[in-house]
Amino acid sequence: MNIVVKKISENSSQVIINARYVYSSDFTDTNGRSINNDTWVFNTGECKEVFVSNPTKGTPPSRTICPTYKAENAILNALK
């Protein structure tokens, strides 16, 4: 996570928070053998498309994962 604090004036500052999200998955078959091990990396403000190996009928073959901004907001709220 990168946090930048800039003084704007005597009574105010600008705070910029950027986080890097790393999502890893390890799927196993019914015998416990690893069949798919993937990692997706994205930053604050970005999303990643994850392809599903066996999607539910009638759903697209991919999902989009995006940040919730909970980590960034927790830091900003602590500064108030």
PDB file of N, CA and C in Angstrom:
ATOM      1  N   MET A   1       0.851  -1.164   0.000  1.00  0.00           N
ATOM      2  CA  MET A   1       0.000   0.000   0.000  1.00  0.00           C
ATOM      3  C   MET A   1       0.900   1.231   0.000  1.00  0.00           C
ATOM      4  N   ASN A   2       0.562   2.206  -0.827  1.00  0.00           N
ATOM      5  CA  ASN A   2       1.262   3.481  -0.865  1.00  0.00           C
ATOM      6  C   ASN A   2       0.344   4.563  -0.319  1.00  0.00           C
ATOM      7  N   ILE A   3       0.874   5.359   0.570  1.00  0.00           N
ATOM      8  CA  ILE A   3       0.123   6.472   1.150  1.00  0.00           C
ATOM      9  C   ILE A   3       0.938   7.740   0.937  1.00  0.00           C
ATOM     10  N   VAL A   4       0.328   8.725   0.280  1.00  0.00           N
ATOM     11  CA  VAL A   4       0.985  10.004   0.015  1.00  0.00           C
ATOM     12  C   VAL A   4       0.179  11.093   0.702  1.00  0.00           C
ATOM     13  N   VAL A   5       0.855  11.920   1.482  1.00  0.00           N
ATOM     14  CA  VAL A   5       0.207  13.048   2.157  1.00  0.00           C
ATOM     15  C   VAL A   5       0.890  14.321   1.678  1.00  0.00           C
ATOM     16  N   LYS A   6       0.091  15.225   1.086  1.00  0.00           N
ATOM     17  CA  LYS A   6       0.616  16.504   0.594  1.00  0.00           C
ATOM     18  C   LYS A   6      -0.042  17.647   1.350  1.00  0.00           C
ATOM     19  N   LYS A   7       0.769  18.565   1.792  1.00  0.00           N
ATOM     20  CA  LYS A   7       0.234  19.763   2.432  1.00  0.00           C
ATOM     21  C   LYS A   7      -0.327  20.672   1.347  1.00  0.00           C
ATOM     22  N   ILE A   8      -1.602  21.044   1.476  1.00  0.00           N
ATOM     23  CA  ILE A   8      -2.262  21.923   0.517  1.00  0.00           C
ATOM     24  C   ILE A   8      -2.226  23.364   1.020  1.00  0.00           C
ATOM     25  N   SER A   9      -2.508  23.514   2.292  1.00  0.00           N
ATOM     26  CA  SER A   9      -2.461  24.829   2.933  1.00  0.00           C
ATOM     27  C   SER A   9      -2.146  24.612   4.401  1.00  0.00           C
ATOM     28  N   GLU A  10      -2.166  25.697   5.165  1.00  0.00           N
ATOM     29  CA  GLU A  10      -1.860  25.597   6.594  1.00  0.00           C
ATOM     30  C   GLU A  10      -2.815  24.656   7.321  1.00  0.00           C
ATOM     31  N   ASN A  11      -4.065  24.582   6.851  1.00  0.00           N
ATOM     32  CA  ASN A  11      -5.084  23.791   7.554  1.00  0.00           C
ATOM     33  C   ASN A  11      -5.606  22.591   6.775  1.00  0.00           C
ATOM     34  N   SER A  12      -5.015  22.265   5.656  1.00  0.00           N
ATOM     35  CA  SER A  12      -5.532  21.114   4.898  1.00  0.00           C
ATOM     36  C   SER A  12      -4.413  20.348   4.212  1.00  0.00           C
ATOM     37  N   SER A  13      -4.679  19.064   4.014  1.00  0.00           N
ATOM     38  CA  SER A  13      -3.737  18.166   3.345  1.00  0.00           C
ATOM     39  C   SER A  13      -4.505  17.295   2.374  1.00  0.00           C
ATOM     40  N   GLN A  14      -3.803  16.804   1.379  1.00  0.00           N
ATOM     41  CA  GLN A  14      -4.374  15.842   0.442  1.00  0.00           C
ATOM     42  C   GLN A  14      -3.767  14.485   0.767  1.00  0.00           C
ATOM     43  N   VAL A  15      -4.621  13.471   0.877  1.00  0.00           N
ATOM     44  CA  VAL A  15      -4.158  12.120   1.173  1.00  0.00           C
ATOM     45  C   VAL A  15      -4.531  11.230  -0.011  1.00  0.00           C
ATOM     46  N   ILE A  16      -3.548  10.533  -0.552  1.00  0.00           N
ATOM     47  CA  ILE A  16      -3.773   9.600  -1.656  1.00  0.00           C
ATOM     48  C   ILE A  16      -3.340   8.220  -1.182  1.00  0.00           C
ATOM     49  N   ILE A  17      -4.250   7.259  -1.316  1.00  0.00           N
ATOM     50  CA  ILE A  17      -3.963   5.890  -0.881  1.00  0.00           C
ATOM     51  C   ILE A  17      -4.162   4.949  -2.064  1.00  0.00           C
ATOM     52  N   ASN A  18      -3.152   4.175  -2.366  1.00  0.00           N
ATOM     53  CA  ASN A  18      -3.226   3.162  -3.413  1.00  0.00           C
ATOM     54  C   ASN A  18      -2.799   1.822  -2.835  1.00  0.00           C
ATOM     55  N   ALA A  19      -3.627   0.824  -3.054  1.00  0.00           N
ATOM     56  CA  ALA A  19      -3.326  -0.522  -2.562  1.00  0.00           C
ATOM     57  C   ALA A  19      -3.152  -1.465  -3.743  1.00  0.00           C
ATOM     58  N   ARG A  20      -2.348  -2.466  -3.552  1.00  0.00           N
ATOM     59  CA  ARG A  20      -2.222  -3.546  -4.545  1.00  0.00           C
ATOM     60  C   ARG A  20      -2.915  -4.762  -3.949  1.00  0.00           C
ATOM     61  N   TYR A  21      -3.845  -5.297  -4.714  1.00  0.00           N
ATOM     62  CA  TYR A  21      -4.595  -6.465  -4.278  1.00  0.00           C
ATOM     63  C   TYR A  21      -4.059  -7.696  -4.991  1.00  0.00           C
ATOM     64  N   VAL A  22      -3.856  -8.765  -4.245  1.00  0.00           N
ATOM     65  CA  VAL A  22      -3.383 -10.018  -4.809  1.00  0.00           C
ATOM     66  C   VAL A  22      -4.400 -11.093  -4.408  1.00  0.00           C
ATOM     67  N   TYR A  23      -5.049 -11.656  -5.410  1.00  0.00           N
ATOM     68  CA  TYR A  23      -6.050 -12.699  -5.182  1.00  0.00           C
ATOM     69  C   TYR A  23      -5.506 -13.997  -5.751  1.00  0.00           C
ATOM     70  N   SER A  24      -5.399 -15.001  -4.899  1.00  0.00           N
ATOM     71  CA  SER A  24      -4.889 -16.303  -5.333  1.00  0.00           C
ATOM     72  C   SER A  24      -5.948 -17.367  -5.103  1.00  0.00           C
ATOM     73  N   SER A  25      -5.982 -18.333  -5.984  1.00  0.00           N
ATOM     74  CA  SER A  25      -6.906 -19.452  -5.817  1.00  0.00           C
ATOM     75  C   SER A  25      -6.186 -20.746  -6.128  1.00  0.00           C
ATOM     76  N   ASP A  26      -6.616 -21.776  -5.472  1.00  0.00           N
ATOM     77  CA  ASP A  26      -6.065 -23.101  -5.704  1.00  0.00           C
ATOM     78  C   ASP A  26      -7.247 -24.065  -5.717  1.00  0.00           C
ATOM     79  N   PHE A  27      -7.615 -24.511  -6.899  1.00  0.00           N
ATOM     80  CA  PHE A  27      -8.735 -25.437  -7.033  1.00  0.00           C
ATOM     81  C   PHE A  27      -8.204 -26.858  -7.036  1.00  0.00           C
ATOM     82  N   THR A  28      -8.920 -27.745  -6.369  1.00  0.00           N
ATOM     83  CA  THR A  28      -8.520 -29.147  -6.333  1.00  0.00           C
ATOM     84  C   THR A  28      -9.643 -30.020  -6.879  1.00  0.00           C
ATOM     85  N   ASP A  29      -9.249 -31.190  -7.377  1.00  0.00           N
ATOM     86  CA  ASP A  29     -10.262 -32.130  -7.856  1.00  0.00           C
ATOM     87  C   ASP A  29     -10.783 -32.949  -6.679  1.00  0.00           C
ATOM     88  N   THR A  30     -11.654 -33.886  -6.952  1.00  0.00           N
ATOM     89  CA  THR A  30     -12.269 -34.676  -5.871  1.00  0.00           C
ATOM     90  C   THR A  30     -11.263 -35.555  -5.138  1.00  0.00           C
ATOM     91  N   ASN A  31     -10.085 -35.754  -5.718  1.00  0.00           N
ATOM     92  CA  ASN A  31      -9.035 -36.542  -5.064  1.00  0.00           C
ATOM     93  C   ASN A  31      -8.045 -35.671  -4.303  1.00  0.00           C
ATOM     94  N   GLY A  32      -8.304 -34.356  -4.277  1.00  0.00           N
ATOM     95  CA  GLY A  32      -7.415 -33.454  -3.554  1.00  0.00           C
ATOM     96  C   GLY A  32      -6.213 -32.995  -4.336  1.00  0.00           C
ATOM     97  N   ARG A  33      -6.159 -33.328  -5.630  1.00  0.00           N
ATOM     98  CA  ARG A  33      -5.031 -32.898  -6.460  1.00  0.00           C
ATOM     99  C   ARG A  33      -5.276 -31.487  -6.972  1.00  0.00           C
ATOM    100  N   SER A  34      -4.231 -30.673  -6.960  1.00  0.00           N
ATOM    101  CA  SER A  34      -4.333 -29.307  -7.468  1.00  0.00           C
ATOM    102  C   SER A  34      -4.518 -29.343  -8.975  1.00  0.00           C
ATOM    103  N   ILE A  35      -5.579 -28.691  -9.454  1.00  0.00           N
ATOM    104  CA  ILE A  35      -5.830 -28.679 -10.896  1.00  0.00           C
ATOM    105  C   ILE A  35      -5.739 -27.270 -11.478  1.00  0.00           C
ATOM    106  N   ASN A  36      -5.764 -26.267 -10.645  1.00  0.00           N
ATOM    107  CA  ASN A  36      -5.696 -24.898 -11.157  1.00  0.00           C
ATOM    108  C   ASN A  36      -5.220 -23.989 -10.037  1.00  0.00           C
ATOM    109  N   ASN A  37      -4.105 -23.350 -10.243  1.00  0.00           N
ATOM    110  CA  ASN A  37      -3.564 -22.430  -9.250  1.00  0.00           C
ATOM    111  C   ASN A  37      -3.278 -21.121  -9.969  1.00  0.00           C
ATOM    112  N   ASP A  38      -4.079 -20.100  -9.688  1.00  0.00           N
ATOM    113  CA  ASP A  38      -3.941 -18.823 -10.374  1.00  0.00           C
ATOM    114  C   ASP A  38      -3.804 -17.685  -9.374  1.00  0.00           C
ATOM    115  N   THR A  39      -3.172 -16.615  -9.822  1.00  0.00           N
ATOM    116  CA  THR A  39      -3.051 -15.396  -9.032  1.00  0.00           C
ATOM    117  C   THR A  39      -3.371 -14.210  -9.927  1.00  0.00           C
ATOM    118  N   TRP A  40      -4.200 -13.297  -9.412  1.00  0.00           N
ATOM    119  CA  TRP A  40      -4.544 -12.079 -10.126  1.00  0.00           C
ATOM    120  C   TRP A  40      -4.107 -10.898  -9.289  1.00  0.00           C
ATOM    121  N   VAL A  41      -3.498  -9.909  -9.915  1.00  0.00           N
ATOM    122  CA  VAL A  41      -2.996  -8.724  -9.214  1.00  0.00           C
ATOM    123  C   VAL A  41      -3.645  -7.497  -9.842  1.00  0.00           C
ATOM    124  N   PHE A  42      -4.177  -6.612  -8.983  1.00  0.00           N
ATOM    125  CA  PHE A  42      -4.755  -5.369  -9.476  1.00  0.00           C
ATOM    126  C   PHE A  42      -4.610  -4.304  -8.402  1.00  0.00           C
ATOM    127  N   ASN A  43      -4.691  -3.047  -8.812  1.00  0.00           N
ATOM    128  CA  ASN A  43      -4.479  -1.911  -7.907  1.00  0.00           C
ATOM    129  C   ASN A  43      -5.791  -1.195  -7.625  1.00  0.00           C
ATOM    130  N   THR A  44      -5.754  -0.287  -6.653  1.00  0.00           N
ATOM    131  CA  THR A  44      -6.895   0.560  -6.360  1.00  0.00           C
ATOM    132  C   THR A  44      -7.408   1.161  -7.667  1.00  0.00           C
ATOM    133  N   GLY A  45      -8.714   1.099  -7.879  1.00  0.00           N
ATOM    134  CA  GLY A  45      -9.314   1.655  -9.087  1.00  0.00           C
ATOM    135  C   GLY A  45      -9.330   0.724 -10.277  1.00  0.00           C
ATOM    136  N   GLU A  46      -8.751  -0.460 -10.136  1.00  0.00           N
ATOM    137  CA  GLU A  46      -8.724  -1.432 -11.224  1.00  0.00           C
ATOM    138  C   GLU A  46      -9.537  -2.664 -10.854  1.00  0.00           C
ATOM    139  N   CYS A  47      -9.883  -3.445 -11.839  1.00  0.00           N
ATOM    140  CA  CYS A  47     -10.558  -4.724 -11.650  1.00  0.00           C
ATOM    141  C   CYS A  47      -9.860  -5.759 -12.526  1.00  0.00           C
ATOM    142  N   LYS A  48     -10.104  -7.017 -12.251  1.00  0.00           N
ATOM    143  CA  LYS A  48      -9.563  -8.099 -13.077  1.00  0.00           C
ATOM    144  C   LYS A  48     -10.690  -9.053 -13.443  1.00  0.00           C
ATOM    145  N   GLU A  49     -10.600  -9.579 -14.650  1.00  0.00           N
ATOM    146  CA  GLU A  49     -11.562 -10.577 -15.104  1.00  0.00           C
ATOM    147  C   GLU A  49     -10.996 -11.962 -14.799  1.00  0.00           C
ATOM    148  N   VAL A  50     -11.802 -12.786 -14.149  1.00  0.00           N
ATOM    149  CA  VAL A  50     -11.407 -14.138 -13.775  1.00  0.00           C
ATOM    150  C   VAL A  50     -12.281 -15.104 -14.559  1.00  0.00           C
ATOM    151  N   PHE A  51     -11.660 -15.986 -15.329  1.00  0.00           N
ATOM    152  CA  PHE A  51     -12.428 -16.969 -16.087  1.00  0.00           C
ATOM    153  C   PHE A  51     -12.748 -18.163 -15.205  1.00  0.00           C
ATOM    154  N   VAL A  52     -13.989 -18.593 -15.257  1.00  0.00           N
ATOM    155  CA  VAL A  52     -14.487 -19.696 -14.444  1.00  0.00           C
ATOM    156  C   VAL A  52     -14.384 -20.980 -15.254  1.00  0.00           C
ATOM    157  N   SER A  53     -13.780 -22.002 -14.671  1.00  0.00           N
ATOM    158  CA  SER A  53     -13.567 -23.240 -15.425  1.00  0.00           C
ATOM    159  C   SER A  53     -14.869 -24.006 -15.655  1.00  0.00           C
ATOM    160  N   ASN A  54     -15.823 -23.883 -14.769  1.00  0.00           N
ATOM    161  CA  ASN A  54     -17.078 -24.617 -14.910  1.00  0.00           C
ATOM    162  C   ASN A  54     -18.229 -23.706 -14.454  1.00  0.00           C
ATOM    163  N   PRO A  55     -18.578 -22.677 -15.266  1.00  0.00           N
ATOM    164  CA  PRO A  55     -19.608 -21.732 -14.830  1.00  0.00           C
ATOM    165  C   PRO A  55     -20.992 -22.375 -14.774  1.00  0.00           C
ATOM    166  N   THR A  56     -21.829 -21.838 -13.910  1.00  0.00           N
ATOM    167  CA  THR A  56     -23.210 -22.292 -13.816  1.00  0.00           C
ATOM    168  C   THR A  56     -23.917 -22.023 -15.140  1.00  0.00           C
ATOM    169  N   LYS A  57     -24.749 -22.948 -15.557  1.00  0.00           N
ATOM    170  CA  LYS A  57     -25.466 -22.809 -16.828  1.00  0.00           C
ATOM    171  C   LYS A  57     -26.224 -21.487 -16.856  1.00  0.00           C
ATOM    172  N   GLY A  58     -26.077 -20.756 -17.953  1.00  0.00           N
ATOM    173  CA  GLY A  58     -26.765 -19.488 -18.121  1.00  0.00           C
ATOM    174  C   GLY A  58     -26.007 -18.289 -17.578  1.00  0.00           C
ATOM    175  N   THR A  59     -24.804 -18.506 -17.040  1.00  0.00           N
ATOM    176  CA  THR A  59     -23.993 -17.393 -16.537  1.00  0.00           C
ATOM    177  C   THR A  59     -22.784 -17.220 -17.445  1.00  0.00           C
ATOM    178  N   PRO A  60     -22.200 -16.026 -17.465  1.00  0.00           N
ATOM    179  CA  PRO A  60     -21.023 -15.808 -18.320  1.00  0.00           C
ATOM    180  C   PRO A  60     -19.835 -16.641 -17.833  1.00  0.00           C
ATOM    181  N   PRO A  61     -18.864 -16.890 -18.710  1.00  0.00           N
ATOM    182  CA  PRO A  61     -17.712 -17.715 -18.346  1.00  0.00           C
ATOM    183  C   PRO A  61     -16.663 -16.985 -17.512  1.00  0.00           C
ATOM    184  N   SER A  62     -16.958 -15.764 -17.102  1.00  0.00           N
ATOM    185  CA  SER A  62     -15.976 -15.024 -16.302  1.00  0.00           C
ATOM    186  C   SER A  62     -16.671 -14.240 -15.198  1.00  0.00           C
ATOM    187  N   ARG A  63     -15.878 -13.837 -14.230  1.00  0.00           N
ATOM    188  CA  ARG A  63     -16.335 -12.985 -13.130  1.00  0.00           C
ATOM    189  C   ARG A  63     -15.367 -11.814 -13.054  1.00  0.00           C
ATOM    190  N   THR A  64     -15.830 -10.703 -12.551  1.00  0.00           N
ATOM    191  CA  THR A  64     -14.968  -9.533 -12.383  1.00  0.00           C
ATOM    192  C   THR A  64     -14.727  -9.326 -10.893  1.00  0.00           C
ATOM    193  N   ILE A  65     -13.454  -9.248 -10.507  1.00  0.00           N
ATOM    194  CA  ILE A  65     -13.110  -8.973  -9.112  1.00  0.00           C
ATOM    195  C   ILE A  65     -12.566  -7.549  -9.035  1.00  0.00           C
ATOM    196  N   CYS A  66     -13.056  -6.808  -8.048  1.00  0.00           N
ATOM    197  CA  CYS A  66     -12.696  -5.400  -7.865  1.00  0.00           C
ATOM    198  C   CYS A  66     -12.453  -5.139  -6.379  1.00  0.00           C
ATOM    199  N   PRO A  67     -11.697  -4.099  -6.061  1.00  0.00           N
ATOM    200  CA  PRO A  67     -11.484  -3.771  -4.652  1.00  0.00           C
ATOM    201  C   PRO A  67     -12.773  -3.263  -4.012  1.00  0.00           C
ATOM    202  N   THR A  68     -12.881  -3.482  -2.712  1.00  0.00           N
ATOM    203  CA  THR A  68     -14.023  -2.966  -1.945  1.00  0.00           C
ATOM    204  C   THR A  68     -13.718  -1.595  -1.356  1.00  0.00           C
ATOM    205  N   TYR A  69     -12.475  -1.199  -1.365  1.00  0.00           N
ATOM    206  CA  TYR A  69     -11.986   0.067  -0.803  1.00  0.00           C
ATOM    207  C   TYR A  69     -12.095   0.126   0.722  1.00  0.00           C
ATOM    208  N   LYS A  70     -12.341  -1.003   1.367  1.00  0.00           N
ATOM    209  CA  LYS A  70     -12.436  -1.025   2.835  1.00  0.00           C
ATOM    210  C   LYS A  70     -11.098  -0.656   3.474  1.00  0.00           C
ATOM    211  N   ALA A  71      -9.999  -1.150   2.946  1.00  0.00           N
ATOM    212  CA  ALA A  71      -8.682  -0.852   3.522  1.00  0.00           C
ATOM    213  C   ALA A  71      -8.359   0.631   3.380  1.00  0.00           C
ATOM    214  N   GLU A  72      -8.583   1.162   2.194  1.00  0.00           N
ATOM    215  CA  GLU A  72      -8.298   2.578   1.948  1.00  0.00           C
ATOM    216  C   GLU A  72      -9.176   3.469   2.837  1.00  0.00           C
ATOM    217  N   ASN A  73     -10.463   3.143   2.923  1.00  0.00           N
ATOM    218  CA  ASN A  73     -11.389   3.947   3.731  1.00  0.00           C
ATOM    219  C   ASN A  73     -11.080   3.852   5.222  1.00  0.00           C
ATOM    220  N   ALA A  74     -10.615   2.707   5.687  1.00  0.00           N
ATOM    221  CA  ALA A  74     -10.253   2.560   7.096  1.00  0.00           C
ATOM    222  C   ALA A  74      -9.112   3.517   7.456  1.00  0.00           C
ATOM    223  N   ILE A  75      -8.155   3.648   6.567  1.00  0.00           N
ATOM    224  CA  ILE A  75      -7.042   4.571   6.813  1.00  0.00           C
ATOM    225  C   ILE A  75      -7.527   6.006   6.791  1.00  0.00           C
ATOM    226  N   LEU A  76      -8.325   6.361   5.787  1.00  0.00           N
ATOM    227  CA  LEU A  76      -8.847   7.734   5.713  1.00  0.00           C
ATOM    228  C   LEU A  76      -9.700   8.083   6.936  1.00  0.00           C
ATOM    229  N   ASN A  77     -10.520   7.141   7.385  1.00  0.00           N
ATOM    230  CA  ASN A  77     -11.350   7.387   8.567  1.00  0.00           C
ATOM    231  C   ASN A  77     -10.521   7.543   9.836  1.00  0.00           C
ATOM    232  N   ALA A  78      -9.408   6.842   9.915  1.00  0.00           N
ATOM    233  CA  ALA A  78      -8.535   6.971  11.083  1.00  0.00           C
ATOM    234  C   ALA A  78      -7.847   8.336  11.130  1.00  0.00           C
ATOM    235  N   LEU A  79      -7.694   8.964   9.977  1.00  0.00           N
ATOM    236  CA  LEU A  79      -7.037  10.271   9.916  1.00  0.00           C
ATOM    237  C   LEU A  79      -7.968  11.422  10.293  1.00  0.00           C
ATOM    238  N   LYS A  80      -9.257  11.185  10.268  1.00  0.00           N
ATOM    239  CA  LYS A  80     -10.222  12.273  10.541  1.00  0.00           C
ATOM    240  C   LYS A  80     -10.237  12.652  11.996  1.00  0.00           C
TER     241      LYS A  80
END
